[in-house]
């Protein structure tokens, strides 16, 4: 590999196109992988947030069910912004139901965003021929067969392998 470097240690101009995969000029394999990992992390964080909100919905449901069986004039305590406030059940119950509805809408919105991010991730994978370690080999062979049937042929060395 000594012939690929100049005397000052920089890579020769002839070695750069092989690292970009020939997809877009200026993007190295490392940049492609980091972009892919960024998209995956964004999707994971959305899924984590959606799971947390689902837990909040179930907690709200438990409290709502418990308060429905209680006298509406009975005192109860609610934590608002870190401050414990004394209210009546008749004041707290509608607020809890409203909060539950708002959280449900946010979860639906996150689901839509996750689907969009998933499509973006798949397009990115196809654009840069990214394969994930442990991915089913049959799926990879099917994708190669599809590309060959579309006239794309195989392009050796253009894929990026992500662990």
Protein backbone atom coordinates (compact mmCIF):
# COMPACT_ATOMS: atom_id res chain seq x y z
CA UNK A 1 0.00 0.00 0.00
CA UNK A 2 3.05 2.29 0.02
CA UNK A 3 2.41 3.18 -3.63
CA UNK A 4 -1.06 4.58 -2.77
CA UNK A 5 0.43 7.29 -0.55
CA UNK A 6 2.38 10.34 -1.67
CA UNK A 7 5.73 11.18 -0.14
CA UNK A 8 4.02 13.44 2.43
CA UNK A 9 1.66 10.64 3.59
CA UNK A 10 -1.49 11.83 1.81
CA UNK A 11 -3.55 9.41 -0.25
CA UNK A 12 -3.02 9.48 -3.97
CA UNK A 13 -5.88 10.97 -6.01
CA UNK A 14 -6.31 7.64 -7.81
CA UNK A 15 -7.20 5.80 -4.59
CA UNK A 16 -10.06 8.12 -3.52
CA UNK A 17 -12.86 7.03 -5.93
CA UNK A 18 -12.70 3.45 -4.67
CA UNK A 19 -13.53 4.58 -1.12
CA UNK A 20 -16.55 6.64 -2.19
CA UNK A 21 -18.16 3.65 -3.89
CA UNK A 22 -18.79 5.66 -7.04
CA UNK A 23 -22.19 6.77 -5.76
CA UNK A 24 -21.67 10.45 -4.95
CA UNK A 25 -18.41 12.31 -5.32
CA UNK A 26 -17.00 13.50 -2.04
CA UNK A 27 -18.55 10.88 0.25
CA UNK A 28 -16.14 8.37 1.69
CA UNK A 29 -17.17 5.00 3.09
CA UNK A 30 -16.78 6.40 6.60
CA UNK A 31 -19.16 9.27 5.79
CA UNK A 32 -21.71 6.84 4.33
CA UNK A 33 -21.52 4.64 7.43
CA UNK A 34 -21.79 7.59 9.81
CA UNK A 35 -24.80 8.91 7.90
CA UNK A 36 -26.45 5.50 8.06
CA UNK A 37 -25.73 5.14 11.77
CA UNK A 38 -27.11 8.64 12.40
CA UNK A 39 -30.36 7.70 10.66
CA UNK A 40 -30.58 4.45 12.63
CA UNK A 41 -29.98 6.31 15.90
CA UNK A 42 -32.70 8.84 15.07
CA UNK A 43 -35.14 6.01 14.40
CA UNK A 44 -34.15 4.25 17.64
CA UNK A 45 -34.63 7.40 19.69
CA UNK A 46 -38.10 7.86 18.18
CA UNK A 47 -38.97 4.28 19.08
CA UNK A 48 -37.68 4.74 22.62
CA UNK A 49 -39.71 7.92 23.07
CA UNK A 50 -42.82 6.21 21.69
CA UNK A 51 -42.38 3.34 24.17
CA UNK A 52 -42.00 5.79 27.06
CA UNK A 53 -45.16 7.61 26.02
CA UNK A 54 -47.04 4.31 25.72
CA UNK A 55 -46.08 3.59 29.32
CA UNK A 56 -47.39 7.01 30.35
CA UNK A 57 -50.69 6.27 28.58
CA UNK A 58 -51.05 3.02 30.51
CA UNK A 59 -50.25 4.80 33.79
CA UNK A 60 -52.82 7.49 33.00
CA UNK A 61 -55.38 4.76 32.26
CA UNK A 62 -54.76 3.09 35.62
CA UNK A 63 -55.17 6.37 37.51
CA UNK A 64 -58.28 7.35 35.52
CA UNK A 65 -59.89 3.97 36.21
CA UNK A 66 -59.11 4.30 39.92
CA UNK A 67 -60.46 7.85 40.15
CA UNK A 68 -63.70 7.01 38.33
CA UNK A 69 -64.71 4.81 41.28
CA UNK A 70 -64.08 7.57 43.85
CA UNK A 71 -66.39 10.34 45.11
CA UNK A 72 -65.84 13.41 42.85
CA UNK A 73 -65.59 15.75 45.88
CA UNK A 74 -62.79 13.72 47.49
CA UNK A 75 -59.37 15.32 47.84
CA UNK A 76 -56.52 14.06 45.71
CA UNK A 77 -53.01 15.24 45.03
CA UNK A 78 -51.46 15.91 41.66
CA UNK A 79 -47.84 16.57 40.79
CA UNK A 80 -47.62 19.63 38.52
CA UNK A 81 -44.17 20.77 37.48
CA UNK A 82 -42.52 19.20 40.51
CA UNK A 83 -45.04 20.72 42.95
CA UNK A 84 -47.61 18.57 44.73
CA UNK A 85 -50.99 20.31 44.48
CA UNK A 86 -54.19 19.47 46.39
CA UNK A 87 -57.26 19.24 44.14
CA UNK A 88 -60.56 17.37 44.01
CA UNK A 89 -61.17 14.31 41.90
CA UNK A 90 -63.67 16.26 39.77
CA UNK A 91 -60.89 18.74 38.87
CA UNK A 92 -58.16 16.19 38.23
CA UNK A 93 -60.08 13.57 36.23
CA UNK A 94 -60.82 15.74 33.14
CA UNK A 95 -57.23 16.99 33.11
CA UNK A 96 -55.89 13.42 33.19
CA UNK A 97 -58.20 12.33 30.38
CA UNK A 98 -57.10 15.33 28.30
CA UNK A 99 -53.42 14.54 28.96
CA UNK A 100 -53.98 10.93 27.92
CA UNK A 101 -55.56 12.06 24.62
CA UNK A 102 -52.68 14.46 23.93
CA UNK A 103 -50.10 11.77 24.62
CA UNK A 104 -51.96 9.38 22.30
CA UNK A 105 -51.80 11.97 19.50
CA UNK A 106 -48.07 12.39 20.05
CA UNK A 107 -47.57 8.62 19.89
CA UNK A 108 -49.46 8.49 16.58
CA UNK A 109 -47.33 11.34 15.24
CA UNK A 110 -44.14 9.55 16.33
CA UNK A 111 -45.35 6.39 14.58
CA UNK A 112 -45.77 8.31 11.34
CA UNK A 113 -42.34 9.92 11.76
CA UNK A 114 -40.78 6.50 12.42
CA UNK A 115 -42.31 5.12 9.22
CA UNK A 116 -40.96 8.07 7.26
CA UNK A 117 -37.53 7.64 8.84
CA UNK A 118 -37.65 3.91 8.03
CA UNK A 119 -38.33 4.67 4.36
CA UNK A 120 -35.49 7.20 4.36
CA UNK A 121 -33.21 4.62 5.96
CA UNK A 122 -34.11 1.97 3.38
CA UNK A 123 -33.55 4.42 0.52
CA UNK A 124 -30.15 5.29 1.98
CA UNK A 125 -29.30 1.58 2.27
CA UNK A 126 -30.27 0.96 -1.35
CA UNK A 127 -28.47 4.08 -2.63
CA UNK A 128 -25.18 3.08 -1.01
CA UNK A 129 -25.65 -0.72 -1.13
CA UNK A 130 -25.33 -1.03 2.65
CA UNK A 131 -25.52 -4.51 4.13
CA UNK A 132 -25.84 -5.15 7.85
CA UNK A 133 -23.79 -7.84 9.57
CA UNK A 134 -26.01 -10.82 10.38
CA UNK A 135 -28.58 -9.89 7.77
CA UNK A 136 -30.24 -12.87 6.12
CA UNK A 137 -28.10 -13.98 3.17
CA UNK A 138 -31.17 -14.96 1.19
CA UNK A 139 -32.40 -11.37 1.27
CA UNK A 140 -29.03 -10.18 0.00
CA UNK A 141 -29.02 -12.72 -2.82
CA UNK A 142 -32.54 -11.68 -3.81
CA UNK A 143 -31.46 -8.02 -3.99
CA UNK A 144 -28.47 -8.94 -6.18
CA UNK A 145 -30.69 -10.99 -8.48
CA UNK A 146 -33.13 -8.08 -8.72
CA UNK A 147 -30.35 -5.63 -9.65
CA UNK A 148 -28.97 -8.02 -12.25
CA UNK A 149 -32.41 -8.53 -13.78
CA UNK A 150 -32.85 -4.74 -13.99
CA UNK A 151 -29.63 -4.50 -15.95
CA UNK A 152 -27.60 -3.07 -13.11
CA UNK A 153 -25.21 -5.99 -12.93
CA UNK A 154 -22.98 -6.53 -9.94
CA UNK A 155 -20.63 -3.81 -8.86
CA UNK A 156 -17.93 -5.45 -6.83
CA UNK A 157 -16.63 -3.44 -3.90
CA UNK A 158 -19.31 -0.74 -3.96
CA UNK A 159 -21.18 -1.97 -0.89
CA UNK A 160 -20.65 -0.88 2.67
CA UNK A 161 -20.85 -3.38 5.49
CA UNK A 162 -22.22 -2.04 8.78
CA UNK A 163 -21.99 -3.91 12.07
